[in-house]
Amino acid sequence: MKHHEIIPELELRHRTLEREIHRLDRRGAHLSPGDRLRASELKKRRLATKDRLYALRSA
């Protein structure tokens, strides 16, 4: 896949992760331990996606 094909897919993934994180964050202190773990994993995936987008755009 070429950069111009990958970037929109990564942007969509980033937005999807943002929405899911926001949905969990709205619950605040009421998150279960499992939801806290899920939020942490989603944030790591979002950051990795953002880093990959940056790398592709800088190439």
Foldseek 3Di string as FASTA:
>chain_A
DALVVVLVVLVVLLVVLVVLLVVLCVCPPPDDPVSVVVSVVSVVVNVVSVVVNVVSVVD
